[in-house]
Amino acid sequence: MYGRQISEVVEPADNVATALRDVDAGETVTVAVGDEERTIEMIDDVGFGHKLAIEDIADGETITKYGKSIGNATEDIPAGTFVHVHNVESNYGRGDLAGDEEVEAISE
């Protein structure tokens, strides 16, 4: 649906938003950023609860969500792109890459 709002950005400095519904590539969506709205042409499908870039993010740039750094871009990420472990190095580590011993230590 053209221009339908899919997310509200919590902090105006954020460069990603969380999808409040599934969003399809090619769809034009509107994101509330403070008192403004941004219209974004989606490049990728983004599932409910996942992040999307609301502006172009350069390789190495900080990813900001809820006013906090959550990681750094590992490649250029155009607005409308799915933002996840394939293009972000998280500040919080990758649990899916932890060895069995590390996982066991955490769960003890």
PDB file of N, CA and C in Angstrom:
ATOM      1  N   MET A   1       0.852  -1.179   0.000  1.00  0.00           N
ATOM      2  CA  MET A   1       0.000   0.000   0.000  1.00  0.00           C
ATOM      3  C   MET A   1       0.893   1.235   0.000  1.00  0.00           C
ATOM      4  N   TYR A   2       0.673   2.165  -0.871  1.00  0.00           N
ATOM      5  CA  TYR A   2       1.516   3.335  -1.028  1.00  0.00           C
ATOM      6  C   TYR A   2       1.463   4.216   0.220  1.00  0.00           C
ATOM      7  N   GLY A   3       2.650   4.554   0.753  1.00  0.00           N
ATOM      8  CA  GLY A   3       2.761   5.536   1.808  1.00  0.00           C
ATOM      9  C   GLY A   3       2.239   5.115   3.161  1.00  0.00           C
ATOM     10  N   ARG A   4       1.869   3.878   3.362  1.00  0.00           N
ATOM     11  CA  ARG A   4       1.326   3.445   4.647  1.00  0.00           C
ATOM     12  C   ARG A   4       2.419   3.415   5.708  1.00  0.00           C
ATOM     13  N   GLN A   5       2.157   4.044   6.855  1.00  0.00           N
ATOM     14  CA  GLN A   5       3.161   4.096   7.917  1.00  0.00           C
ATOM     15  C   GLN A   5       3.400   2.698   8.480  1.00  0.00           C
ATOM     16  N   ILE A   6       4.666   2.312   8.582  1.00  0.00           N
ATOM     17  CA  ILE A   6       4.996   0.978   9.054  1.00  0.00           C
ATOM     18  C   ILE A   6       5.791   0.996  10.342  1.00  0.00           C
ATOM     19  N   SER A   7       6.264   2.155  10.768  1.00  0.00           N
ATOM     20  CA  SER A   7       7.099   2.202  11.946  1.00  0.00           C
ATOM     21  C   SER A   7       7.184   3.623  12.455  1.00  0.00           C
ATOM     22  N   GLU A   8       7.481   3.736  13.718  1.00  0.00           N
ATOM     23  CA  GLU A   8       7.771   5.039  14.285  1.00  0.00           C
ATOM     24  C   GLU A   8       9.163   4.967  14.876  1.00  0.00           C
ATOM     25  N   VAL A   9      10.007   5.907  14.518  1.00  0.00           N
ATOM     26  CA  VAL A   9      11.359   5.951  15.036  1.00  0.00           C
ATOM     27  C   VAL A   9      11.311   6.627  16.396  1.00  0.00           C
ATOM     28  N   VAL A  10      11.956   6.033  17.368  1.00  0.00           N
ATOM     29  CA  VAL A  10      11.901   6.553  18.726  1.00  0.00           C
ATOM     30  C   VAL A  10      12.733   7.821  18.870  1.00  0.00           C
ATOM     31  N   GLU A  11      13.921   7.859  18.297  1.00  0.00           N
ATOM     32  CA  GLU A  11      14.814   9.012  18.392  1.00  0.00           C
ATOM     33  C   GLU A  11      15.086   9.576  16.998  1.00  0.00           C
ATOM     34  N   PRO A  12      15.054  10.887  16.826  1.00  0.00           N
ATOM     35  CA  PRO A  12      15.322  11.463  15.506  1.00  0.00           C
ATOM     36  C   PRO A  12      16.711  11.121  14.961  1.00  0.00           C
ATOM     37  N   ALA A  13      17.668  10.774  15.808  1.00  0.00           N
ATOM     38  CA  ALA A  13      19.019  10.413  15.354  1.00  0.00           C
ATOM     39  C   ALA A  13      19.096   8.986  14.822  1.00  0.00           C
ATOM     40  N   ASP A  14      18.040   8.172  15.017  1.00  0.00           N
ATOM     41  CA  ASP A  14      18.057   6.783  14.566  1.00  0.00           C
ATOM     42  C   ASP A  14      18.181   6.721  13.040  1.00  0.00           C
ATOM     43  N   ASN A  15      18.938   5.716  12.554  1.00  0.00           N
ATOM     44  CA  ASN A  15      19.027   5.504  11.108  1.00  0.00           C
ATOM     45  C   ASN A  15      18.396   4.185  10.684  1.00  0.00           C
ATOM     46  N   VAL A  16      17.795   3.480  11.649  1.00  0.00           N
ATOM     47  CA  VAL A  16      17.001   2.291  11.359  1.00  0.00           C
ATOM     48  C   VAL A  16      15.677   2.391  12.108  1.00  0.00           C
ATOM     49  N   ALA A  17      14.701   1.656  11.627  1.00  0.00           N
ATOM     50  CA  ALA A  17      13.394   1.564  12.274  1.00  0.00           C
ATOM     51  C   ALA A  17      13.002   0.098  12.331  1.00  0.00           C
ATOM     52  N   THR A  18      12.058  -0.214  13.182  1.00  0.00           N
ATOM     53  CA  THR A  18      11.545  -1.574  13.309  1.00  0.00           C
ATOM     54  C   THR A  18      10.219  -1.677  12.573  1.00  0.00           C
ATOM     55  N   ALA A  19      10.115  -2.686  11.723  1.00  0.00           N
ATOM     56  CA  ALA A  19       8.876  -2.889  10.957  1.00  0.00           C
ATOM     57  C   ALA A  19       7.763  -3.358  11.888  1.00  0.00           C
ATOM     58  N   LEU A  20       6.634  -2.696  11.833  1.00  0.00           N
ATOM     59  CA  LEU A  20       5.469  -3.052  12.649  1.00  0.00           C
ATOM     60  C   LEU A  20       4.549  -4.034  11.923  1.00  0.00           C
ATOM     61  N   ARG A  21       4.953  -4.410  10.705  1.00  0.00           N
ATOM     62  CA  ARG A  21       4.252  -5.411   9.902  1.00  0.00           C
ATOM     63  C   ARG A  21       5.241  -5.880   8.850  1.00  0.00           C
ATOM     64  N   ASP A  22       4.923  -6.960   8.150  1.00  0.00           N
ATOM     65  CA  ASP A  22       5.757  -7.391   7.037  1.00  0.00           C
ATOM     66  C   ASP A  22       5.716  -6.321   5.952  1.00  0.00           C
ATOM     67  N   VAL A  23       6.883  -6.034   5.369  1.00  0.00           N
ATOM     68  CA  VAL A  23       6.995  -5.026   4.325  1.00  0.00           C
ATOM     69  C   VAL A  23       7.612  -5.695   3.100  1.00  0.00           C
ATOM     70  N   ASP A  24       7.082  -5.403   1.928  1.00  0.00           N
ATOM     71  CA  ASP A  24       7.548  -6.027   0.691  1.00  0.00           C
ATOM     72  C   ASP A  24       8.494  -5.123  -0.083  1.00  0.00           C
ATOM     73  N   ALA A  25       9.497  -5.731  -0.721  1.00  0.00           N
ATOM     74  CA  ALA A  25      10.379  -5.006  -1.635  1.00  0.00           C
ATOM     75  C   ALA A  25       9.526  -4.324  -2.697  1.00  0.00           C
ATOM     76  N   GLY A  26       9.894  -3.104  -3.056  1.00  0.00           N
ATOM     77  CA  GLY A  26       9.145  -2.340  -4.046  1.00  0.00           C
ATOM     78  C   GLY A  26       8.027  -1.502  -3.464  1.00  0.00           C
ATOM     79  N   GLU A  27       7.671  -1.780  -2.237  1.00  0.00           N
ATOM     80  CA  GLU A  27       6.616  -1.027  -1.557  1.00  0.00           C
ATOM     81  C   GLU A  27       7.151   0.334  -1.128  1.00  0.00           C
ATOM     82  N   THR A  28       6.317   1.345  -1.158  1.00  0.00           N
ATOM     83  CA  THR A  28       6.663   2.660  -0.632  1.00  0.00           C
ATOM     84  C   THR A  28       6.021   2.779   0.746  1.00  0.00           C
ATOM     85  N   VAL A  29       6.851   3.082   1.748  1.00  0.00           N
ATOM     86  CA  VAL A  29       6.354   3.154   3.116  1.00  0.00           C
ATOM     87  C   VAL A  29       6.684   4.518   3.720  1.00  0.00           C
ATOM     88  N   THR A  30       5.957   4.855   4.765  1.00  0.00           N
ATOM     89  CA  THR A  30       6.181   6.091   5.489  1.00  0.00           C
ATOM     90  C   THR A  30       6.615   5.761   6.911  1.00  0.00           C
ATOM     91  N   VAL A  31       7.652   6.447   7.360  1.00  0.00           N
ATOM     92  CA  VAL A  31       8.185   6.247   8.701  1.00  0.00           C
ATOM     93  C   VAL A  31       8.141   7.580   9.431  1.00  0.00           C
ATOM     94  N   ALA A  32       7.555   7.600  10.627  1.00  0.00           N
ATOM     95  CA  ALA A  32       7.525   8.811  11.446  1.00  0.00           C
ATOM     96  C   ALA A  32       8.869   8.975  12.135  1.00  0.00           C
ATOM     97  N   VAL A  33       9.475  10.143  11.949  1.00  0.00           N
ATOM     98  CA  VAL A  33      10.766  10.464  12.559  1.00  0.00           C
ATOM     99  C   VAL A  33      10.578  11.784  13.292  1.00  0.00           C
ATOM    100  N   GLY A  34      10.398  11.705  14.614  1.00  0.00           N
ATOM    101  CA  GLY A  34      10.089  12.919  15.372  1.00  0.00           C
ATOM    102  C   GLY A  34       8.784  13.505  14.876  1.00  0.00           C
ATOM    103  N   ASP A  35       8.807  14.788  14.496  1.00  0.00           N
ATOM    104  CA  ASP A  35       7.612  15.464  13.990  1.00  0.00           C
ATOM    105  C   ASP A  35       7.482  15.368  12.478  1.00  0.00           C
ATOM    106  N   GLU A  36       8.405  14.641  11.840  1.00  0.00           N
ATOM    107  CA  GLU A  36       8.414  14.519  10.387  1.00  0.00           C
ATOM    108  C   GLU A  36       8.035  13.105   9.962  1.00  0.00           C
ATOM    109  N   GLU A  37       7.780  12.981   8.685  1.00  0.00           N
ATOM    110  CA  GLU A  37       7.584  11.658   8.084  1.00  0.00           C
ATOM    111  C   GLU A  37       8.542  11.530   6.914  1.00  0.00           C
ATOM    112  N   ARG A  38       9.107  10.321   6.770  1.00  0.00           N
ATOM    113  CA  ARG A  38       9.968  10.015   5.623  1.00  0.00           C
ATOM    114  C   ARG A  38       9.295   8.949   4.787  1.00  0.00           C
ATOM    115  N   THR A  39       9.352   9.139   3.489  1.00  0.00           N
ATOM    116  CA  THR A  39       8.834   8.148   2.566  1.00  0.00           C
ATOM    117  C   THR A  39      10.022   7.381   2.008  1.00  0.00           C
ATOM    118  N   ILE A  40       9.936   6.049   2.089  1.00  0.00           N
ATOM    119  CA  ILE A  40      11.051   5.189   1.702  1.00  0.00           C
ATOM    120  C   ILE A  40      10.553   4.140   0.715  1.00  0.00           C
ATOM    121  N   GLU A  41      11.286   3.969  -0.359  1.00  0.00           N
ATOM    122  CA  GLU A  41      11.036   2.901  -1.326  1.00  0.00           C
ATOM    123  C   GLU A  41      11.814   1.683  -0.838  1.00  0.00           C
ATOM    124  N   MET A  42      11.113   0.601  -0.533  1.00  0.00           N
ATOM    125  CA  MET A  42      11.750  -0.587   0.021  1.00  0.00           C
ATOM    126  C   MET A  42      12.531  -1.345  -1.048  1.00  0.00           C
ATOM    127  N   ILE A  43      13.765  -1.689  -0.729  1.00  0.00           N
ATOM    128  CA  ILE A  43      14.622  -2.484  -1.608  1.00  0.00           C
ATOM    129  C   ILE A  43      14.434  -3.968  -1.313  1.00  0.00           C
ATOM    130  N   ASP A  44      14.313  -4.285  -0.023  1.00  0.00           N
ATOM    131  CA  ASP A  44      14.206  -5.675   0.428  1.00  0.00           C
ATOM    132  C   ASP A  44      12.871  -5.923   1.113  1.00  0.00           C
ATOM    133  N   ASP A  45      12.490  -7.203   1.182  1.00  0.00           N
ATOM    134  CA  ASP A  45      11.416  -7.604   2.085  1.00  0.00           C
ATOM    135  C   ASP A  45      11.959  -7.497   3.505  1.00  0.00           C
ATOM    136  N   VAL A  46      11.139  -7.006   4.425  1.00  0.00           N
ATOM    137  CA  VAL A  46      11.522  -6.926   5.839  1.00  0.00           C
ATOM    138  C   VAL A  46      10.356  -7.479   6.647  1.00  0.00           C
ATOM    139  N   GLY A  47      10.627  -8.477   7.448  1.00  0.00           N
ATOM    140  CA  GLY A  47       9.594  -9.100   8.258  1.00  0.00           C
ATOM    141  C   GLY A  47       9.255  -8.290   9.498  1.00  0.00           C
ATOM    142  N   PHE A  48       8.068  -8.540   9.995  1.00  0.00           N
ATOM    143  CA  PHE A  48       7.604  -7.905  11.231  1.00  0.00           C
ATOM    144  C   PHE A  48       8.671  -8.032  12.318  1.00  0.00           C
ATOM    145  N   GLY A  49       8.969  -6.918  12.988  1.00  0.00           N
ATOM    146  CA  GLY A  49       9.915  -6.915  14.097  1.00  0.00           C
ATOM    147  C   GLY A  49      11.368  -6.757  13.705  1.00  0.00           C
ATOM    148  N   HIS A  50      11.649  -6.765  12.405  1.00  0.00           N
ATOM    149  CA  HIS A  50      13.033  -6.618  11.948  1.00  0.00           C
ATOM    150  C   HIS A  50      13.325  -5.166  11.584  1.00  0.00           C
ATOM    151  N   LYS A  51      14.607  -4.872  11.412  1.00  0.00           N
ATOM    152  CA  LYS A  51      15.055  -3.501  11.157  1.00  0.00           C
ATOM    153  C   LYS A  51      15.177  -3.216   9.665  1.00  0.00           C
ATOM    154  N   LEU A  52      14.913  -1.946   9.317  1.00  0.00           N
ATOM    155  CA  LEU A  52      15.123  -1.450   7.975  1.00  0.00           C
ATOM    156  C   LEU A  52      15.849  -0.123   8.051  1.00  0.00           C
ATOM    157  N   ALA A  53      16.699   0.119   7.070  1.00  0.00           N
ATOM    158  CA  ALA A  53      17.415   1.392   7.006  1.00  0.00           C
ATOM    159  C   ALA A  53      16.443   2.476   6.559  1.00  0.00           C
ATOM    160  N   ILE A  54      16.434   3.596   7.281  1.00  0.00           N
ATOM    161  CA  ILE A  54      15.549   4.707   6.917  1.00  0.00           C
ATOM    162  C   ILE A  54      16.324   5.827   6.241  1.00  0.00           C
ATOM    163  N   GLU A  55      17.626   5.630   6.097  1.00  0.00           N
ATOM    164  CA  GLU A  55      18.485   6.540   5.346  1.00  0.00           C
ATOM    165  C   GLU A  55      19.668   5.716   4.863  1.00  0.00           C
ATOM    166  N   ASP A  56      20.420   6.259   3.908  1.00  0.00           N
ATOM    167  CA  ASP A  56      21.616   5.561   3.454  1.00  0.00           C
ATOM    168  C   ASP A  56      22.621   5.525   4.597  1.00  0.00           C
ATOM    169  N   ILE A  57      23.215   4.342   4.825  1.00  0.00           N
ATOM    170  CA  ILE A  57      24.199   4.144   5.892  1.00  0.00           C
ATOM    171  C   ILE A  57      25.479   3.656   5.227  1.00  0.00           C
ATOM    172  N   ALA A  58      26.578   4.366   5.441  1.00  0.00           N
ATOM    173  CA  ALA A  58      27.852   4.010   4.817  1.00  0.00           C
ATOM    174  C   ALA A  58      28.535   2.869   5.562  1.00  0.00           C
ATOM    175  N   ASP A  59      29.316   2.093   4.830  1.00  0.00           N
ATOM    176  CA  ASP A  59      30.134   1.026   5.408  1.00  0.00           C
ATOM    177  C   ASP A  59      30.942   1.602   6.573  1.00  0.00           C
ATOM    178  N   GLY A  60      30.865   0.962   7.735  1.00  0.00           N
ATOM    179  CA  GLY A  60      31.586   1.401   8.923  1.00  0.00           C
ATOM    180  C   GLY A  60      30.814   2.364   9.815  1.00  0.00           C
ATOM    181  N   GLU A  61      29.725   2.930   9.302  1.00  0.00           N
ATOM    182  CA  GLU A  61      28.931   3.898  10.071  1.00  0.00           C
ATOM    183  C   GLU A  61      28.185   3.198  11.203  1.00  0.00           C
ATOM    184  N   THR A  62      27.952   3.928  12.278  1.00  0.00           N
ATOM    185  CA  THR A  62      27.216   3.412  13.427  1.00  0.00           C
ATOM    186  C   THR A  62      25.746   3.218  13.081  1.00  0.00           C
ATOM    187  N   ILE A  63      25.195   2.076  13.477  1.00  0.00           N
ATOM    188  CA  ILE A  63      23.761   1.811  13.360  1.00  0.00           C
ATOM    189  C   ILE A  63      23.143   2.277  14.675  1.00  0.00           C
ATOM    190  N   THR A  64      22.161   3.169  14.587  1.00  0.00           N
ATOM    191  CA  THR A  64      21.551   3.758  15.772  1.00  0.00           C
ATOM    192  C   THR A  64      20.072   3.412  15.822  1.00  0.00           C
ATOM    193  N   LYS A  65      19.656   2.807  16.953  1.00  0.00           N
ATOM    194  CA  LYS A  65      18.267   2.437  17.186  1.00  0.00           C
ATOM    195  C   LYS A  65      17.924   2.827  18.609  1.00  0.00           C
ATOM    196  N   TYR A  66      16.784   3.457  18.803  1.00  0.00           N
ATOM    197  CA  TYR A  66      16.363   3.943  20.125  1.00  0.00           C
ATOM    198  C   TYR A  66      17.406   4.887  20.729  1.00  0.00           C
ATOM    199  N   GLY A  67      18.105   5.628  19.859  1.00  0.00           N
ATOM    200  CA  GLY A  67      19.096   6.593  20.315  1.00  0.00           C
ATOM    201  C   GLY A  67      20.411   5.990  20.766  1.00  0.00           C
ATOM    202  N   LYS A  68      20.575   4.689  20.580  1.00  0.00           N
ATOM    203  CA  LYS A  68      21.779   3.983  21.042  1.00  0.00           C
ATOM    204  C   LYS A  68      22.463   3.287  19.878  1.00  0.00           C
ATOM    205  N   SER A  69      23.783   3.205  19.950  1.00  0.00           N
ATOM    206  CA  SER A  69      24.542   2.446  18.965  1.00  0.00           C
ATOM    207  C   SER A  69      24.284   0.969  19.198  1.00  0.00           C
ATOM    208  N   ILE A  70      23.900   0.261  18.123  1.00  0.00           N
ATOM    209  CA  ILE A  70      23.705  -1.189  18.239  1.00  0.00           C
ATOM    210  C   ILE A  70      24.737  -1.948  17.417  1.00  0.00           C
ATOM    211  N   GLY A  71      25.576  -1.234  16.669  1.00  0.00           N
ATOM    212  CA  GLY A  71      26.596  -1.883  15.865  1.00  0.00           C
ATOM    213  C   GLY A  71      27.089  -0.966  14.773  1.00  0.00           C
ATOM    214  N   ASN A  72      27.830  -1.559  13.828  1.00  0.00           N
ATOM    215  CA  ASN A  72      28.378  -0.814  12.707  1.00  0.00           C
ATOM    216  C   ASN A  72      28.076  -1.544  11.407  1.00  0.00           C
ATOM    217  N   ALA A  73      27.812  -0.767  10.373  1.00  0.00           N
ATOM    218  CA  ALA A  73      27.554  -1.335   9.052  1.00  0.00           C
ATOM    219  C   ALA A  73      28.819  -2.008   8.523  1.00  0.00           C
ATOM    220  N   THR A  74      28.664  -3.201   7.957  1.00  0.00           N
ATOM    221  CA  THR A  74      29.794  -3.918   7.368  1.00  0.00           C
ATOM    222  C   THR A  74      29.840  -3.738   5.852  1.00  0.00           C
ATOM    223  N   GLU A  75      28.912  -2.962   5.334  1.00  0.00           N
ATOM    224  CA  GLU A  75      28.843  -2.619   3.909  1.00  0.00           C
ATOM    225  C   GLU A  75      27.931  -1.411   3.792  1.00  0.00           C
ATOM    226  N   ASP A  76      27.909  -0.777   2.624  1.00  0.00           N
ATOM    227  CA  ASP A  76      26.954   0.305   2.403  1.00  0.00           C
ATOM    228  C   ASP A  76      25.545  -0.277   2.465  1.00  0.00           C
ATOM    229  N   ILE A  77      24.656   0.416   3.171  1.00  0.00           N
ATOM    230  CA  ILE A  77      23.281  -0.044   3.341  1.00  0.00           C
ATOM    231  C   ILE A  77      22.351   1.080   2.863  1.00  0.00           C
ATOM    232  N   PRO A  78      21.785   0.955   1.675  1.00  0.00           N
ATOM    233  CA  PRO A  78      20.871   1.993   1.189  1.00  0.00           C
ATOM    234  C   PRO A  78      19.562   2.017   1.985  1.00  0.00           C
ATOM    235  N   ALA A  79      18.920   3.170   2.020  1.00  0.00           N
ATOM    236  CA  ALA A  79      17.603   3.286   2.648  1.00  0.00           C
ATOM    237  C   ALA A  79      16.673   2.258   2.016  1.00  0.00           C
ATOM    238  N   GLY A  80      15.847   1.611   2.843  1.00  0.00           N
ATOM    239  CA  GLY A  80      14.901   0.615   2.353  1.00  0.00           C
ATOM    240  C   GLY A  80      15.444  -0.805   2.378  1.00  0.00           C
ATOM    241  N   THR A  81      16.645  -0.966   2.928  1.00  0.00           N
ATOM    242  CA  THR A  81      17.297  -2.274   2.981  1.00  0.00           C
ATOM    243  C   THR A  81      17.058  -2.941   4.332  1.00  0.00           C
ATOM    244  N   PHE A  82      16.940  -4.263   4.318  1.00  0.00           N
ATOM    245  CA  PHE A  82      16.860  -5.086   5.528  1.00  0.00           C
ATOM    246  C   PHE A  82      18.191  -4.958   6.268  1.00  0.00           C
ATOM    247  N   VAL A  83      18.135  -4.642   7.555  1.00  0.00           N
ATOM    248  CA  VAL A  83      19.334  -4.473   8.382  1.00  0.00           C
ATOM    249  C   VAL A  83      19.362  -5.604   9.398  1.00  0.00           C
ATOM    250  N   HIS A  84      20.410  -6.444   9.296  1.00  0.00           N
ATOM    251  CA  HIS A  84      20.504  -7.620  10.165  1.00  0.00           C
ATOM    252  C   HIS A  84      21.957  -8.084  10.198  1.00  0.00           C
ATOM    253  N   VAL A  85      22.212  -9.277  10.685  1.00  0.00           N
ATOM    254  CA  VAL A  85      23.579  -9.763  10.882  1.00  0.00           C
ATOM    255  C   VAL A  85      24.388  -9.864   9.592  1.00  0.00           C
ATOM    256  N   HIS A  86      23.750  -9.901   8.440  1.00  0.00           N
ATOM    257  CA  HIS A  86      24.476  -9.996   7.173  1.00  0.00           C
ATOM    258  C   HIS A  86      25.127  -8.681   6.766  1.00  0.00           C
ATOM    259  N   ASN A  87      24.702  -7.554   7.361  1.00  0.00           N
ATOM    260  CA  ASN A  87      25.294  -6.264   7.000  1.00  0.00           C
ATOM    261  C   ASN A  87      25.610  -5.376   8.210  1.00  0.00           C
ATOM    262  N   VAL A  88      25.571  -5.969   9.419  1.00  0.00           N
ATOM    263  CA  VAL A  88      25.884  -5.232  10.645  1.00  0.00           C
ATOM    264  C   VAL A  88      26.754  -6.088  11.555  1.00  0.00           C
ATOM    265  N   GLU A  89      27.791  -5.466  12.091  1.00  0.00           N
ATOM    266  CA  GLU A  89      28.563  -6.095  13.163  1.00  0.00           C
ATOM    267  C   GLU A  89      27.993  -5.543  14.462  1.00  0.00           C
ATOM    268  N   SER A  90      27.350  -6.405  15.222  1.00  0.00           N
ATOM    269  CA  SER A  90      26.638  -6.000  16.426  1.00  0.00           C
ATOM    270  C   SER A  90      27.583  -5.643  17.564  1.00  0.00           C
ATOM    271  N   ASN A  91      27.163  -4.719  18.397  1.00  0.00           N
ATOM    272  CA  ASN A  91      27.869  -4.414  19.641  1.00  0.00           C
ATOM    273  C   ASN A  91      27.701  -5.544  20.643  1.00  0.00           C
ATOM    274  N   TYR A  92      26.740  -6.409  20.419  1.00  0.00           N
ATOM    275  CA  TYR A  92      26.354  -7.412  21.399  1.00  0.00           C
ATOM    276  C   TYR A  92      26.860  -8.813  21.081  1.00  0.00           C
ATOM    277  N   GLY A  93      27.628  -8.962  20.011  1.00  0.00           N
ATOM    278  CA  GLY A  93      28.144 -10.276  19.662  1.00  0.00           C
ATOM    279  C   GLY A  93      27.134 -11.073  18.862  1.00  0.00           C
ATOM    280  N   ARG A  94      27.592 -12.208  18.348  1.00  0.00           N
ATOM    281  CA  ARG A  94      26.768 -13.106  17.549  1.00  0.00           C
ATOM    282  C   ARG A  94      26.641 -14.421  18.277  1.00  0.00           C
ATOM    283  N   GLY A  95      25.583 -14.629  19.009  1.00  0.00           N
ATOM    284  CA  GLY A  95      25.354 -15.870  19.719  1.00  0.00           C
ATOM    285  C   GLY A  95      25.300 -17.070  18.805  1.00  0.00           C
ATOM    286  N   ASP A  96      24.863 -16.849  17.554  1.00  0.00           N
ATOM    287  CA  ASP A  96      24.780 -17.959  16.620  1.00  0.00           C
ATOM    288  C   ASP A  96      26.160 -18.437  16.171  1.00  0.00           C
ATOM    289  N   LEU A  97      27.206 -17.655  16.446  1.00  0.00           N
ATOM    290  CA  LEU A  97      28.560 -18.039  16.081  1.00  0.00           C
ATOM    291  C   LEU A  97      29.358 -18.562  17.265  1.00  0.00           C
ATOM    292  N   ALA A  98      28.787 -18.495  18.457  1.00  0.00           N
ATOM    293  CA  ALA A  98      29.492 -18.960  19.651  1.00  0.00           C
ATOM    294  C   ALA A  98      29.665 -20.473  19.604  1.00  0.00           C
ATOM    295  N   GLY A  99      30.823 -20.940  20.088  1.00  0.00           N
ATOM    296  CA  GLY A  99      31.066 -22.377  20.161  1.00  0.00           C
ATOM    297  C   GLY A  99      30.222 -23.008  21.249  1.00  0.00           C
ATOM    298  N   ASP A 100      30.062 -24.317  21.194  1.00  0.00           N
ATOM    299  CA  ASP A 100      29.258 -25.045  22.184  1.00  0.00           C
ATOM    300  C   ASP A 100      29.737 -24.776  23.608  1.00  0.00           C
ATOM    301  N   GLU A 101      31.057 -24.706  23.805  1.00  0.00           N
ATOM    302  CA  GLU A 101      31.582 -24.484  25.150  1.00  0.00           C
ATOM    303  C   GLU A 101      31.164 -23.125  25.686  1.00  0.00           C
ATOM    304  N   GLU A 102      31.185 -22.102  24.808  1.00  0.00           N
ATOM    305  CA  GLU A 102      30.780 -20.774  25.232  1.00  0.00           C
ATOM    306  C   GLU A 102      29.299 -20.748  25.587  1.00  0.00           C
ATOM    307  N   VAL A 103      28.476 -21.419  24.801  1.00  0.00           N
ATOM    308  CA  VAL A 103      27.043 -21.464  25.064  1.00  0.00           C
ATOM    309  C   VAL A 103      26.777 -22.175  26.379  1.00  0.00           C
ATOM    310  N   GLU A 104      27.472 -23.285  26.621  1.00  0.00           N
ATOM    311  CA  GLU A 104      27.302 -24.009  27.875  1.00  0.00           C
ATOM    312  C   GLU A 104      27.691 -23.131  29.063  1.00  0.00           C
ATOM    313  N   ALA A 105      28.788 -22.385  28.932  1.00  0.00           N
ATOM    314  CA  ALA A 105      29.246 -21.528  30.019  1.00  0.00           C
ATOM    315  C   ALA A 105      28.224 -20.455  30.342  1.00  0.00           C
ATOM    316  N   ILE A 106      27.577 -19.927  29.313  1.00  0.00           N
ATOM    317  CA  ILE A 106      26.580 -18.881  29.526  1.00  0.00           C
ATOM    318  C   ILE A 106      25.339 -19.447  30.210  1.00  0.00           C
ATOM    319  N   SER A 107      24.976 -20.682  29.904  1.00  0.00           N
ATOM    320  CA  SER A 107      23.741 -21.236  30.434  1.00  0.00           C
ATOM    321  C   SER A 107      23.910 -21.864  31.822  1.00  0.00           C
ATOM    322  N   GLU A 108      25.130 -21.961  32.304  1.00  0.00           N
ATOM    323  CA  GLU A 108      25.332 -22.571  33.630  1.00  0.00           C
ATOM    324  C   GLU A 108      24.923 -21.651  34.752  1.00  0.00           C
TER     325      GLU A 108
END
